[in-house]
Amino acid sequence: MPCYTIQQSHVEFLAKSTDLTLLTEALRKLGFEVSELDHRLVLRKRDPNGYCRSGSYDRTTGRLELDSAWDVNEIKRAYSERVVDSQARKFGWQLEWSTNATGHRQATVLRRG
């Protein structure tokens, strides 16, 4: 694969493959309070008006339920970053994160060898 290749992926929160640790890290990075209750992650976050909004992630079904005030795509992007970071560490790669012209985060991967 050429070094200038751009890869894009579709993100789904599937019960069997979603890494709960990485999802929790991503949610906390976005300012959510995350706690565990039975088989769910319970999410809370204040909106810009100061109202506390909540949601949950059911780890047995992979279903993410959020208040309509939150952007699920923002959560998918944050989770994707955590996954890319974890895989880069696994293979000993270095990442350089930036924001492109359309406002989306992108990573440049520096591989050696």
PDB file of N, CA and C in Angstrom:
ATOM      1  N   MET A   1       0.852  -1.173   0.000  1.00  0.00           N
ATOM      2  CA  MET A   1       0.000   0.000   0.000  1.00  0.00           C
ATOM      3  C   MET A   1       0.901   1.241   0.000  1.00  0.00           C
ATOM      4  N   PRO A   2       0.664   2.165  -0.933  1.00  0.00           N
ATOM      5  CA  PRO A   2       1.484   3.383  -0.985  1.00  0.00           C
ATOM      6  C   PRO A   2       1.377   4.201   0.294  1.00  0.00           C
ATOM      7  N   CYS A   3       2.408   4.988   0.580  1.00  0.00           N
ATOM      8  CA  CYS A   3       2.444   5.750   1.825  1.00  0.00           C
ATOM      9  C   CYS A   3       1.420   6.875   1.854  1.00  0.00           C
ATOM     10  N   TYR A   4       0.858   7.259   0.721  1.00  0.00           N
ATOM     11  CA  TYR A   4      -0.110   8.346   0.669  1.00  0.00           C
ATOM     12  C   TYR A   4      -1.555   7.838   0.682  1.00  0.00           C
ATOM     13  N   THR A   5      -1.747   6.573   0.980  1.00  0.00           N
ATOM     14  CA  THR A   5      -3.065   5.969   0.978  1.00  0.00           C
ATOM     15  C   THR A   5      -3.915   6.492   2.132  1.00  0.00           C
ATOM     16  N   ILE A   6      -5.162   6.790   1.843  1.00  0.00           N
ATOM     17  CA  ILE A   6      -6.120   7.216   2.864  1.00  0.00           C
ATOM     18  C   ILE A   6      -7.102   6.069   3.067  1.00  0.00           C
ATOM     19  N   GLN A   7      -7.273   5.666   4.308  1.00  0.00           N
ATOM     20  CA  GLN A   7      -8.224   4.608   4.615  1.00  0.00           C
ATOM     21  C   GLN A   7      -9.347   5.173   5.469  1.00  0.00           C
ATOM     22  N   GLN A   8     -10.571   4.825   5.135  1.00  0.00           N
ATOM     23  CA  GLN A   8     -11.733   5.235   5.920  1.00  0.00           C
ATOM     24  C   GLN A   8     -12.481   3.983   6.355  1.00  0.00           C
ATOM     25  N   SER A   9     -13.109   4.062   7.518  1.00  0.00           N
ATOM     26  CA  SER A   9     -13.847   2.926   8.053  1.00  0.00           C
ATOM     27  C   SER A   9     -15.206   3.365   8.548  1.00  0.00           C
ATOM     28  N   HIS A  10     -16.131   2.424   8.547  1.00  0.00           N
ATOM     29  CA  HIS A  10     -17.455   2.653   9.100  1.00  0.00           C
ATOM     30  C   HIS A  10     -17.443   2.168  10.549  1.00  0.00           C
ATOM     31  N   VAL A  11     -17.960   2.959  11.465  1.00  0.00           N
ATOM     32  CA  VAL A  11     -17.925   2.606  12.887  1.00  0.00           C
ATOM     33  C   VAL A  11     -19.313   2.163  13.341  1.00  0.00           C
ATOM     34  N   GLU A  12     -19.353   0.982  13.935  1.00  0.00           N
ATOM     35  CA  GLU A  12     -20.575   0.489  14.563  1.00  0.00           C
ATOM     36  C   GLU A  12     -20.200   0.006  15.958  1.00  0.00           C
ATOM     37  N   PHE A  13     -21.105   0.182  16.892  1.00  0.00           N
ATOM     38  CA  PHE A  13     -20.878  -0.312  18.243  1.00  0.00           C
ATOM     39  C   PHE A  13     -21.536  -1.681  18.357  1.00  0.00           C
ATOM     40  N   LEU A  14     -20.764  -2.717  18.066  1.00  0.00           N
ATOM     41  CA  LEU A  14     -21.273  -4.074  18.113  1.00  0.00           C
ATOM     42  C   LEU A  14     -20.923  -4.712  19.451  1.00  0.00           C
ATOM     43  N   ALA A  15     -21.859  -5.462  19.976  1.00  0.00           N
ATOM     44  CA  ALA A  15     -21.676  -6.061  21.303  1.00  0.00           C
ATOM     45  C   ALA A  15     -20.426  -6.930  21.377  1.00  0.00           C
ATOM     46  N   LYS A  16     -20.122  -7.681  20.333  1.00  0.00           N
ATOM     47  CA  LYS A  16     -19.004  -8.627  20.384  1.00  0.00           C
ATOM     48  C   LYS A  16     -17.654  -7.974  20.135  1.00  0.00           C
ATOM     49  N   SER A  17     -17.610  -6.812  19.488  1.00  0.00           N
ATOM     50  CA  SER A  17     -16.313  -6.268  19.107  1.00  0.00           C
ATOM     51  C   SER A  17     -15.985  -4.881  19.661  1.00  0.00           C
ATOM     52  N   THR A  18     -16.937  -4.218  20.286  1.00  0.00           N
ATOM     53  CA  THR A  18     -16.650  -2.897  20.844  1.00  0.00           C
ATOM     54  C   THR A  18     -15.804  -3.044  22.097  1.00  0.00           C
ATOM     55  N   ASP A  19     -14.691  -2.339  22.123  1.00  0.00           N
ATOM     56  CA  ASP A  19     -13.799  -2.360  23.277  1.00  0.00           C
ATOM     57  C   ASP A  19     -14.333  -1.350  24.295  1.00  0.00           C
ATOM     58  N   LEU A  20     -14.854  -1.849  25.396  1.00  0.00           N
ATOM     59  CA  LEU A  20     -15.481  -0.977  26.392  1.00  0.00           C
ATOM     60  C   LEU A  20     -14.495  -0.002  27.022  1.00  0.00           C
ATOM     61  N   THR A  21     -13.259  -0.427  27.186  1.00  0.00           N
ATOM     62  CA  THR A  21     -12.255   0.470  27.756  1.00  0.00           C
ATOM     63  C   THR A  21     -12.030   1.654  26.822  1.00  0.00           C
ATOM     64  N   LEU A  22     -11.879   1.384  25.526  1.00  0.00           N
ATOM     65  CA  LEU A  22     -11.653   2.458  24.555  1.00  0.00           C
ATOM     66  C   LEU A  22     -12.887   3.338  24.413  1.00  0.00           C
ATOM     67  N   LEU A  23     -14.075   2.733  24.449  1.00  0.00           N
ATOM     68  CA  LEU A  23     -15.303   3.518  24.372  1.00  0.00           C
ATOM     69  C   LEU A  23     -15.433   4.433  25.584  1.00  0.00           C
ATOM     70  N   THR A  24     -15.127   3.911  26.760  1.00  0.00           N
ATOM     71  CA  THR A  24     -15.178   4.715  27.983  1.00  0.00           C
ATOM     72  C   THR A  24     -14.187   5.873  27.905  1.00  0.00           C
ATOM     73  N   GLU A  25     -12.957   5.594  27.434  1.00  0.00           N
ATOM     74  CA  GLU A  25     -11.956   6.657  27.284  1.00  0.00           C
ATOM     75  C   GLU A  25     -12.462   7.737  26.331  1.00  0.00           C
ATOM     76  N   ALA A  26     -13.045   7.322  25.211  1.00  0.00           N
ATOM     77  CA  ALA A  26     -13.547   8.278  24.219  1.00  0.00           C
ATOM     78  C   ALA A  26     -14.657   9.146  24.800  1.00  0.00           C
ATOM     79  N   LEU A  27     -15.576   8.520  25.526  1.00  0.00           N
ATOM     80  CA  LEU A  27     -16.683   9.269  26.130  1.00  0.00           C
ATOM     81  C   LEU A  27     -16.180  10.268  27.167  1.00  0.00           C
ATOM     82  N   ARG A  28     -15.232   9.834  27.982  1.00  0.00           N
ATOM     83  CA  ARG A  28     -14.671  10.739  28.992  1.00  0.00           C
ATOM     84  C   ARG A  28     -13.929  11.900  28.339  1.00  0.00           C
ATOM     85  N   LYS A  29     -13.242  11.624  27.234  1.00  0.00           N
ATOM     86  CA  LYS A  29     -12.539  12.684  26.516  1.00  0.00           C
ATOM     87  C   LYS A  29     -13.530  13.734  25.996  1.00  0.00           C
ATOM     88  N   LEU A  30     -14.744  13.312  25.687  1.00  0.00           N
ATOM     89  CA  LEU A  30     -15.786  14.228  25.217  1.00  0.00           C
ATOM     90  C   LEU A  30     -16.528  14.909  26.367  1.00  0.00           C
ATOM     91  N   GLY A  31     -16.141  14.599  27.602  1.00  0.00           N
ATOM     92  CA  GLY A  31     -16.743  15.258  28.748  1.00  0.00           C
ATOM     93  C   GLY A  31     -17.888  14.510  29.403  1.00  0.00           C
ATOM     94  N   PHE A  32     -18.118  13.265  29.003  1.00  0.00           N
ATOM     95  CA  PHE A  32     -19.178  12.468  29.618  1.00  0.00           C
ATOM     96  C   PHE A  32     -18.684  11.881  30.936  1.00  0.00           C
ATOM     97  N   GLU A  33     -19.566  11.799  31.901  1.00  0.00           N
ATOM     98  CA  GLU A  33     -19.323  11.000  33.102  1.00  0.00           C
ATOM     99  C   GLU A  33     -19.807   9.605  32.750  1.00  0.00           C
ATOM    100  N   VAL A  34     -18.980   8.607  32.996  1.00  0.00           N
ATOM    101  CA  VAL A  34     -19.325   7.236  32.625  1.00  0.00           C
ATOM    102  C   VAL A  34     -19.264   6.352  33.851  1.00  0.00           C
ATOM    103  N   SER A  35     -20.328   5.587  34.061  1.00  0.00           N
ATOM    104  CA  SER A  35     -20.331   4.611  35.150  1.00  0.00           C
ATOM    105  C   SER A  35     -20.944   3.313  34.627  1.00  0.00           C
ATOM    106  N   GLU A  36     -20.679   2.219  35.329  1.00  0.00           N
ATOM    107  CA  GLU A  36     -21.214   0.925  34.925  1.00  0.00           C
ATOM    108  C   GLU A  36     -22.350   0.530  35.841  1.00  0.00           C
ATOM    109  N   LEU A  37     -23.410   0.023  35.237  1.00  0.00           N
ATOM    110  CA  LEU A  37     -24.564  -0.463  35.985  1.00  0.00           C
ATOM    111  C   LEU A  37     -25.059  -1.710  35.276  1.00  0.00           C
ATOM    112  N   ASP A  38     -24.936  -2.851  35.941  1.00  0.00           N
ATOM    113  CA  ASP A  38     -25.285  -4.143  35.354  1.00  0.00           C
ATOM    114  C   ASP A  38     -24.534  -4.332  34.043  1.00  0.00           C
ATOM    115  N   HIS A  39     -25.233  -4.466  32.936  1.00  0.00           N
ATOM    116  CA  HIS A  39     -24.607  -4.695  31.634  1.00  0.00           C
ATOM    117  C   HIS A  39     -24.591  -3.431  30.769  1.00  0.00           C
ATOM    118  N   ARG A  40     -24.692  -2.271  31.433  1.00  0.00           N
ATOM    119  CA  ARG A  40     -24.740  -1.010  30.705  1.00  0.00           C
ATOM    120  C   ARG A  40     -23.669  -0.035  31.182  1.00  0.00           C
ATOM    121  N   LEU A  41     -23.229   0.808  30.244  1.00  0.00           N
ATOM    122  CA  LEU A  41     -22.465   1.992  30.605  1.00  0.00           C
ATOM    123  C   LEU A  41     -23.484   3.119  30.687  1.00  0.00           C
ATOM    124  N   VAL A  42     -23.526   3.816  31.795  1.00  0.00           N
ATOM    125  CA  VAL A  42     -24.454   4.933  31.967  1.00  0.00           C
ATOM    126  C   VAL A  42     -23.666   6.229  31.725  1.00  0.00           C
ATOM    127  N   LEU A  43     -24.209   7.080  30.856  1.00  0.00           N
ATOM    128  CA  LEU A  43     -23.528   8.289  30.421  1.00  0.00           C
ATOM    129  C   LEU A  43     -24.283   9.526  30.878  1.00  0.00           C
ATOM    130  N   ARG A  44     -23.539  10.509  31.345  1.00  0.00           N
ATOM    131  CA  ARG A  44     -24.137  11.796  31.732  1.00  0.00           C
ATOM    132  C   ARG A  44     -23.225  12.922  31.276  1.00  0.00           C
ATOM    133  N   LYS A  45     -23.856  14.010  30.829  1.00  0.00           N
ATOM    134  CA  LYS A  45     -23.084  15.173  30.407  1.00  0.00           C
ATOM    135  C   LYS A  45     -23.998  16.390  30.421  1.00  0.00           C
ATOM    136  N   ARG A  46     -23.443  17.511  30.826  1.00  0.00           N
ATOM    137  CA  ARG A  46     -24.206  18.762  30.802  1.00  0.00           C
ATOM    138  C   ARG A  46     -24.144  19.363  29.412  1.00  0.00           C
ATOM    139  N   ASP A  47     -25.291  19.843  28.934  1.00  0.00           N
ATOM    140  CA  ASP A  47     -25.300  20.519  27.636  1.00  0.00           C
ATOM    141  C   ASP A  47     -24.884  21.976  27.828  1.00  0.00           C
ATOM    142  N   PRO A  48     -24.729  22.745  26.751  1.00  0.00           N
ATOM    143  CA  PRO A  48     -24.289  24.140  26.879  1.00  0.00           C
ATOM    144  C   PRO A  48     -25.213  25.017  27.737  1.00  0.00           C
ATOM    145  N   ASN A  49     -26.460  24.607  27.908  1.00  0.00           N
ATOM    146  CA  ASN A  49     -27.408  25.359  28.734  1.00  0.00           C
ATOM    147  C   ASN A  49     -27.387  24.937  30.202  1.00  0.00           C
ATOM    148  N   GLY A  50     -26.542  23.967  30.528  1.00  0.00           N
ATOM    149  CA  GLY A  50     -26.414  23.531  31.912  1.00  0.00           C
ATOM    150  C   GLY A  50     -27.311  22.373  32.304  1.00  0.00           C
ATOM    151  N   TYR A  51     -28.133  21.868  31.367  1.00  0.00           N
ATOM    152  CA  TYR A  51     -29.006  20.741  31.678  1.00  0.00           C
ATOM    153  C   TYR A  51     -28.219  19.441  31.602  1.00  0.00           C
ATOM    154  N   CYS A  52     -28.467  18.571  32.551  1.00  0.00           N
ATOM    155  CA  CYS A  52     -27.794  17.278  32.563  1.00  0.00           C
ATOM    156  C   CYS A  52     -28.547  16.330  31.633  1.00  0.00           C
ATOM    157  N   ARG A  53     -27.845  15.821  30.640  1.00  0.00           N
ATOM    158  CA  ARG A  53     -28.426  14.880  29.677  1.00  0.00           C
ATOM    159  C   ARG A  53     -27.789  13.517  29.923  1.00  0.00           C
ATOM    160  N   SER A  54     -28.542  12.469  29.654  1.00  0.00           N
ATOM    161  CA  SER A  54     -28.009  11.143  29.923  1.00  0.00           C
ATOM    162  C   SER A  54     -28.261  10.190  28.759  1.00  0.00           C
ATOM    163  N   GLY A  55     -27.627   9.047  28.856  1.00  0.00           N
ATOM    164  CA  GLY A  55     -27.782   7.998  27.867  1.00  0.00           C
ATOM    165  C   GLY A  55     -27.155   6.729  28.395  1.00  0.00           C
ATOM    166  N   SER A  56     -27.074   5.728  27.534  1.00  0.00           N
ATOM    167  CA  SER A  56     -26.473   4.468  27.957  1.00  0.00           C
ATOM    168  C   SER A  56     -25.974   3.679  26.753  1.00  0.00           C
ATOM    169  N   TYR A  57     -25.072   2.760  27.045  1.00  0.00           N
ATOM    170  CA  TYR A  57     -24.587   1.802  26.053  1.00  0.00           C
ATOM    171  C   TYR A  57     -24.799   0.423  26.649  1.00  0.00           C
ATOM    172  N   ASP A  58     -25.572  -0.410  25.975  1.00  0.00           N
ATOM    173  CA  ASP A  58     -25.842  -1.769  26.426  1.00  0.00           C
ATOM    174  C   ASP A  58     -24.800  -2.690  25.805  1.00  0.00           C
ATOM    175  N   ARG A  59     -23.922  -3.222  26.646  1.00  0.00           N
ATOM    176  CA  ARG A  59     -22.821  -4.025  26.104  1.00  0.00           C
ATOM    177  C   ARG A  59     -23.270  -5.393  25.607  1.00  0.00           C
ATOM    178  N   THR A  60     -24.465  -5.856  25.962  1.00  0.00           N
ATOM    179  CA  THR A  60     -24.929  -7.146  25.453  1.00  0.00           C
ATOM    180  C   THR A  60     -25.555  -7.022  24.069  1.00  0.00           C
ATOM    181  N   THR A  61     -26.114  -5.874  23.737  1.00  0.00           N
ATOM    182  CA  THR A  61     -26.750  -5.682  22.432  1.00  0.00           C
ATOM    183  C   THR A  61     -25.966  -4.741  21.519  1.00  0.00           C
ATOM    184  N   GLY A  62     -25.067  -3.931  22.104  1.00  0.00           N
ATOM    185  CA  GLY A  62     -24.343  -2.949  21.320  1.00  0.00           C
ATOM    186  C   GLY A  62     -25.152  -1.698  21.032  1.00  0.00           C
ATOM    187  N   ARG A  63     -26.270  -1.546  21.707  1.00  0.00           N
ATOM    188  CA  ARG A  63     -27.158  -0.405  21.457  1.00  0.00           C
ATOM    189  C   ARG A  63     -26.727   0.816  22.273  1.00  0.00           C
ATOM    190  N   LEU A  64     -26.532   1.933  21.574  1.00  0.00           N
ATOM    191  CA  LEU A  64     -26.181   3.197  22.196  1.00  0.00           C
ATOM    192  C   LEU A  64     -27.418   4.080  22.177  1.00  0.00           C
ATOM    193  N   GLU A  65     -27.877   4.484  23.339  1.00  0.00           N
ATOM    194  CA  GLU A  65     -29.052   5.347  23.450  1.00  0.00           C
ATOM    195  C   GLU A  65     -28.611   6.668  24.055  1.00  0.00           C
ATOM    196  N   LEU A  66     -28.891   7.752  23.330  1.00  0.00           N
ATOM    197  CA  LEU A  66     -28.477   9.073  23.774  1.00  0.00           C
ATOM    198  C   LEU A  66     -29.625  10.054  23.688  1.00  0.00           C
ATOM    199  N   ASP A  67     -29.550  11.064  24.516  1.00  0.00           N
ATOM    200  CA  ASP A  67     -30.459  12.190  24.399  1.00  0.00           C
ATOM    201  C   ASP A  67     -30.244  12.802  23.018  1.00  0.00           C
ATOM    202  N   SER A  68     -31.283  13.339  22.419  1.00  0.00           N
ATOM    203  CA  SER A  68     -31.178  13.898  21.068  1.00  0.00           C
ATOM    204  C   SER A  68     -30.222  15.084  20.990  1.00  0.00           C
ATOM    205  N   ALA A  69     -29.837  15.646  22.130  1.00  0.00           N
ATOM    206  CA  ALA A  69     -28.917  16.788  22.133  1.00  0.00           C
ATOM    207  C   ALA A  69     -27.495  16.378  21.757  1.00  0.00           C
ATOM    208  N   TRP A  70     -27.164  15.086  21.859  1.00  0.00           N
ATOM    209  CA  TRP A  70     -25.798  14.646  21.598  1.00  0.00           C
ATOM    210  C   TRP A  70     -25.648  14.097  20.201  1.00  0.00           C
ATOM    211  N   ASP A  71     -24.473  14.280  19.639  1.00  0.00           N
ATOM    212  CA  ASP A  71     -24.147  13.846  18.283  1.00  0.00           C
ATOM    213  C   ASP A  71     -23.445  12.494  18.334  1.00  0.00           C
ATOM    214  N   VAL A  72     -24.118  11.447  17.872  1.00  0.00           N
ATOM    215  CA  VAL A  72     -23.534  10.109  17.902  1.00  0.00           C
ATOM    216  C   VAL A  72     -22.303  10.035  16.994  1.00  0.00           C
ATOM    217  N   ASN A  73     -22.259  10.823  15.939  1.00  0.00           N
ATOM    218  CA  ASN A  73     -21.092  10.812  15.064  1.00  0.00           C
ATOM    219  C   ASN A  73     -19.855  11.344  15.776  1.00  0.00           C
ATOM    220  N   GLU A  74     -20.040  12.302  16.676  1.00  0.00           N
ATOM    221  CA  GLU A  74     -18.918  12.809  17.468  1.00  0.00           C
ATOM    222  C   GLU A  74     -18.358  11.687  18.345  1.00  0.00           C
ATOM    223  N   ILE A  75     -19.246  10.880  18.895  1.00  0.00           N
ATOM    224  CA  ILE A  75     -18.826   9.755  19.726  1.00  0.00           C
ATOM    225  C   ILE A  75     -18.105   8.710  18.876  1.00  0.00           C
ATOM    226  N   LYS A  76     -18.622   8.442  17.683  1.00  0.00           N
ATOM    227  CA  LYS A  76     -17.962   7.487  16.792  1.00  0.00           C
ATOM    228  C   LYS A  76     -16.562   7.966  16.409  1.00  0.00           C
ATOM    229  N   ARG A  77     -16.433   9.260  16.137  1.00  0.00           N
ATOM    230  CA  ARG A  77     -15.114   9.793  15.789  1.00  0.00           C
ATOM    231  C   ARG A  77     -14.141   9.672  16.965  1.00  0.00           C
ATOM    232  N   ALA A  78     -14.620   9.995  18.171  1.00  0.00           N
ATOM    233  CA  ALA A  78     -13.759   9.896  19.359  1.00  0.00           C
ATOM    234  C   ALA A  78     -13.363   8.441  19.616  1.00  0.00           C
ATOM    235  N   TYR A  79     -14.299   7.509  19.443  1.00  0.00           N
ATOM    236  CA  TYR A  79     -13.993   6.089  19.622  1.00  0.00           C
ATOM    237  C   TYR A  79     -12.984   5.637  18.568  1.00  0.00           C
ATOM    238  N   SER A  80     -13.176   6.086  17.339  1.00  0.00           N
ATOM    239  CA  SER A  80     -12.254   5.733  16.260  1.00  0.00           C
ATOM    240  C   SER A  80     -10.833   6.179  16.586  1.00  0.00           C
ATOM    241  N   GLU A  81     -10.700   7.387  17.119  1.00  0.00           N
ATOM    242  CA  GLU A  81      -9.369   7.883  17.504  1.00  0.00           C
ATOM    243  C   GLU A  81      -8.725   6.966  18.530  1.00  0.00           C
ATOM    244  N   ARG A  82      -9.504   6.554  19.527  1.00  0.00           N
ATOM    245  CA  ARG A  82      -8.958   5.676  20.560  1.00  0.00           C
ATOM    246  C   ARG A  82      -8.526   4.335  19.957  1.00  0.00           C
ATOM    247  N   VAL A  83      -9.317   3.800  19.020  1.00  0.00           N
ATOM    248  CA  VAL A  83      -8.972   2.522  18.383  1.00  0.00           C
ATOM    249  C   VAL A  83      -7.699   2.668  17.571  1.00  0.00           C
ATOM    250  N   VAL A  84      -7.619   3.735  16.780  1.00  0.00           N
ATOM    251  CA  VAL A  84      -6.416   3.961  15.973  1.00  0.00           C
ATOM    252  C   VAL A  84      -5.201   4.119  16.877  1.00  0.00           C
ATOM    253  N   ASP A  85      -5.338   4.895  17.956  1.00  0.00           N
ATOM    254  CA  ASP A  85      -4.233   5.060  18.912  1.00  0.00           C
ATOM    255  C   ASP A  85      -3.790   3.716  19.484  1.00  0.00           C
ATOM    256  N   SER A  86      -4.750   2.887  19.884  1.00  0.00           N
ATOM    257  CA  SER A  86      -4.398   1.608  20.511  1.00  0.00           C
ATOM    258  C   SER A  86      -3.709   0.678  19.523  1.00  0.00           C
ATOM    259  N   GLN A  87      -4.160   0.654  18.282  1.00  0.00           N
ATOM    260  CA  GLN A  87      -3.539  -0.207  17.280  1.00  0.00           C
ATOM    261  C   GLN A  87      -2.149   0.297  16.904  1.00  0.00           C
ATOM    262  N   ALA A  88      -1.991   1.610  16.829  1.00  0.00           N
ATOM    263  CA  ALA A  88      -0.675   2.175  16.538  1.00  0.00           C
ATOM    264  C   ALA A  88       0.322   1.791  17.627  1.00  0.00           C
ATOM    265  N   ARG A  89      -0.102   1.901  18.900  1.00  0.00           N
ATOM    266  CA  ARG A  89       0.774   1.498  20.012  1.00  0.00           C
ATOM    267  C   ARG A  89       1.127   0.019  19.906  1.00  0.00           C
ATOM    268  N   LYS A  90       0.142  -0.794  19.555  1.00  0.00           N
ATOM    269  CA  LYS A  90       0.347  -2.238  19.444  1.00  0.00           C
ATOM    270  C   LYS A  90       1.446  -2.577  18.438  1.00  0.00           C
ATOM    271  N   PHE A  91       1.508  -1.830  17.338  1.00  0.00           N
ATOM    272  CA  PHE A  91       2.484  -2.104  16.291  1.00  0.00           C
ATOM    273  C   PHE A  91       3.721  -1.211  16.362  1.00  0.00           C
ATOM    274  N   GLY A  92       3.786  -0.365  17.391  1.00  0.00           N
ATOM    275  CA  GLY A  92       4.949   0.484  17.568  1.00  0.00           C
ATOM    276  C   GLY A  92       5.004   1.668  16.616  1.00  0.00           C
ATOM    277  N   TRP A  93       3.855   2.076  16.099  1.00  0.00           N
ATOM    278  CA  TRP A  93       3.802   3.201  15.178  1.00  0.00           C
ATOM    279  C   TRP A  93       3.609   4.493  15.946  1.00  0.00           C
ATOM    280  N   GLN A  94       4.035   5.573  15.361  1.00  0.00           N
ATOM    281  CA  GLN A  94       3.795   6.894  15.935  1.00  0.00           C
ATOM    282  C   GLN A  94       2.721   7.583  15.123  1.00  0.00           C
ATOM    283  N   LEU A  95       1.842   8.309  15.799  1.00  0.00           N
ATOM    284  CA  LEU A  95       0.758   9.038  15.138  1.00  0.00           C
ATOM    285  C   LEU A  95       0.951  10.531  15.303  1.00  0.00           C
ATOM    286  N   GLU A  96       0.542  11.243  14.298  1.00  0.00           N
ATOM    287  CA  GLU A  96       0.487  12.688  14.384  1.00  0.00           C
ATOM    288  C   GLU A  96      -0.936  13.090  14.011  1.00  0.00           C
ATOM    289  N   TRP A  97      -1.683  13.629  14.983  1.00  0.00           N
ATOM    290  CA  TRP A  97      -3.075  14.020  14.749  1.00  0.00           C
ATOM    291  C   TRP A  97      -3.144  15.472  14.285  1.00  0.00           C
ATOM    292  N   SER A  98      -4.058  15.728  13.350  1.00  0.00           N
ATOM    293  CA  SER A  98      -4.292  17.087  12.862  1.00  0.00           C
ATOM    294  C   SER A  98      -5.762  17.208  12.457  1.00  0.00           C
ATOM    295  N   THR A  99      -6.169  18.401  12.123  1.00  0.00           N
ATOM    296  CA  THR A  99      -7.534  18.637  11.649  1.00  0.00           C
ATOM    297  C   THR A  99      -7.447  19.080  10.195  1.00  0.00           C
ATOM    298  N   ASN A 100      -8.202  18.407   9.320  1.00  0.00           N
ATOM    299  CA  ASN A 100      -8.122  18.735   7.902  1.00  0.00           C
ATOM    300  C   ASN A 100      -8.995  19.947   7.559  1.00  0.00           C
ATOM    301  N   ALA A 101      -9.032  20.322   6.285  1.00  0.00           N
ATOM    302  CA  ALA A 101      -9.745  21.520   5.840  1.00  0.00           C
ATOM    303  C   ALA A 101     -11.245  21.449   6.097  1.00  0.00           C
ATOM    304  N   THR A 102     -11.808  20.240   6.172  1.00  0.00           N
ATOM    305  CA  THR A 102     -13.245  20.099   6.430  1.00  0.00           C
ATOM    306  C   THR A 102     -13.568  20.031   7.912  1.00  0.00           C
ATOM    307  N   GLY A 103     -12.524  20.142   8.756  1.00  0.00           N
ATOM    308  CA  GLY A 103     -12.746  20.138  10.197  1.00  0.00           C
ATOM    309  C   GLY A 103     -12.711  18.772  10.845  1.00  0.00           C
ATOM    310  N   HIS A 104     -12.362  17.733  10.095  1.00  0.00           N
ATOM    311  CA  HIS A 104     -12.280  16.388  10.652  1.00  0.00           C
ATOM    312  C   HIS A 104     -10.857  16.068  11.087  1.00  0.00           C
ATOM    313  N   ARG A 105     -10.751  15.313  12.167  1.00  0.00           N
ATOM    314  CA  ARG A 105      -9.440  14.895  12.667  1.00  0.00           C
ATOM    315  C   ARG A 105      -8.894  13.800  11.768  1.00  0.00           C
ATOM    316  N   GLN A 106      -7.599  13.824  11.577  1.00  0.00           N
ATOM    317  CA  GLN A 106      -6.954  12.781  10.797  1.00  0.00           C
ATOM    318  C   GLN A 106      -5.597  12.473  11.412  1.00  0.00           C
ATOM    319  N   ALA A 107      -5.170  11.248  11.203  1.00  0.00           N
ATOM    320  CA  ALA A 107      -3.889  10.816  11.766  1.00  0.00           C
ATOM    321  C   ALA A 107      -2.931  10.482  10.635  1.00  0.00           C
ATOM    322  N   THR A 108      -1.725  10.909  10.800  1.00  0.00           N
ATOM    323  CA  THR A 108      -0.640  10.509   9.914  1.00  0.00           C
ATOM    324  C   THR A 108       0.166   9.473  10.689  1.00  0.00           C
ATOM    325  N   VAL A 109       0.351   8.312  10.094  1.00  0.00           N
ATOM    326  CA  VAL A 109       1.042   7.232  10.766  1.00  0.00           C
ATOM    327  C   VAL A 109       2.476   7.164  10.269  1.00  0.00           C
ATOM    328  N   LEU A 110       3.407   7.165  11.204  1.00  0.00           N
ATOM    329  CA  LEU A 110       4.826   7.063  10.880  1.00  0.00           C
ATOM    330  C   LEU A 110       5.264   5.650  11.244  1.00  0.00           C
ATOM    331  N   ARG A 111       5.559   4.858  10.224  1.00  0.00           N
ATOM    332  CA  ARG A 111       5.999   3.483  10.450  1.00  0.00           C
ATOM    333  C   ARG A 111       7.479   3.383  10.148  1.00  0.00           C
ATOM    334  N   ARG A 112       8.154   2.570  10.891  1.00  0.00           N
ATOM    335  CA  ARG A 112       9.567   2.319  10.652  1.00  0.00           C
ATOM    336  C   ARG A 112       9.755   0.866  10.288  1.00  0.00           C
ATOM    337  N   GLY A 113      10.615   0.634   9.304  1.00  0.00           N
ATOM    338  CA  GLY A 113      10.952  -0.740   8.969  1.00  0.00           C
ATOM    339  C   GLY A 113      10.314  -1.290   7.784  1.00  0.00           C
TER     340      GLY A 113
END
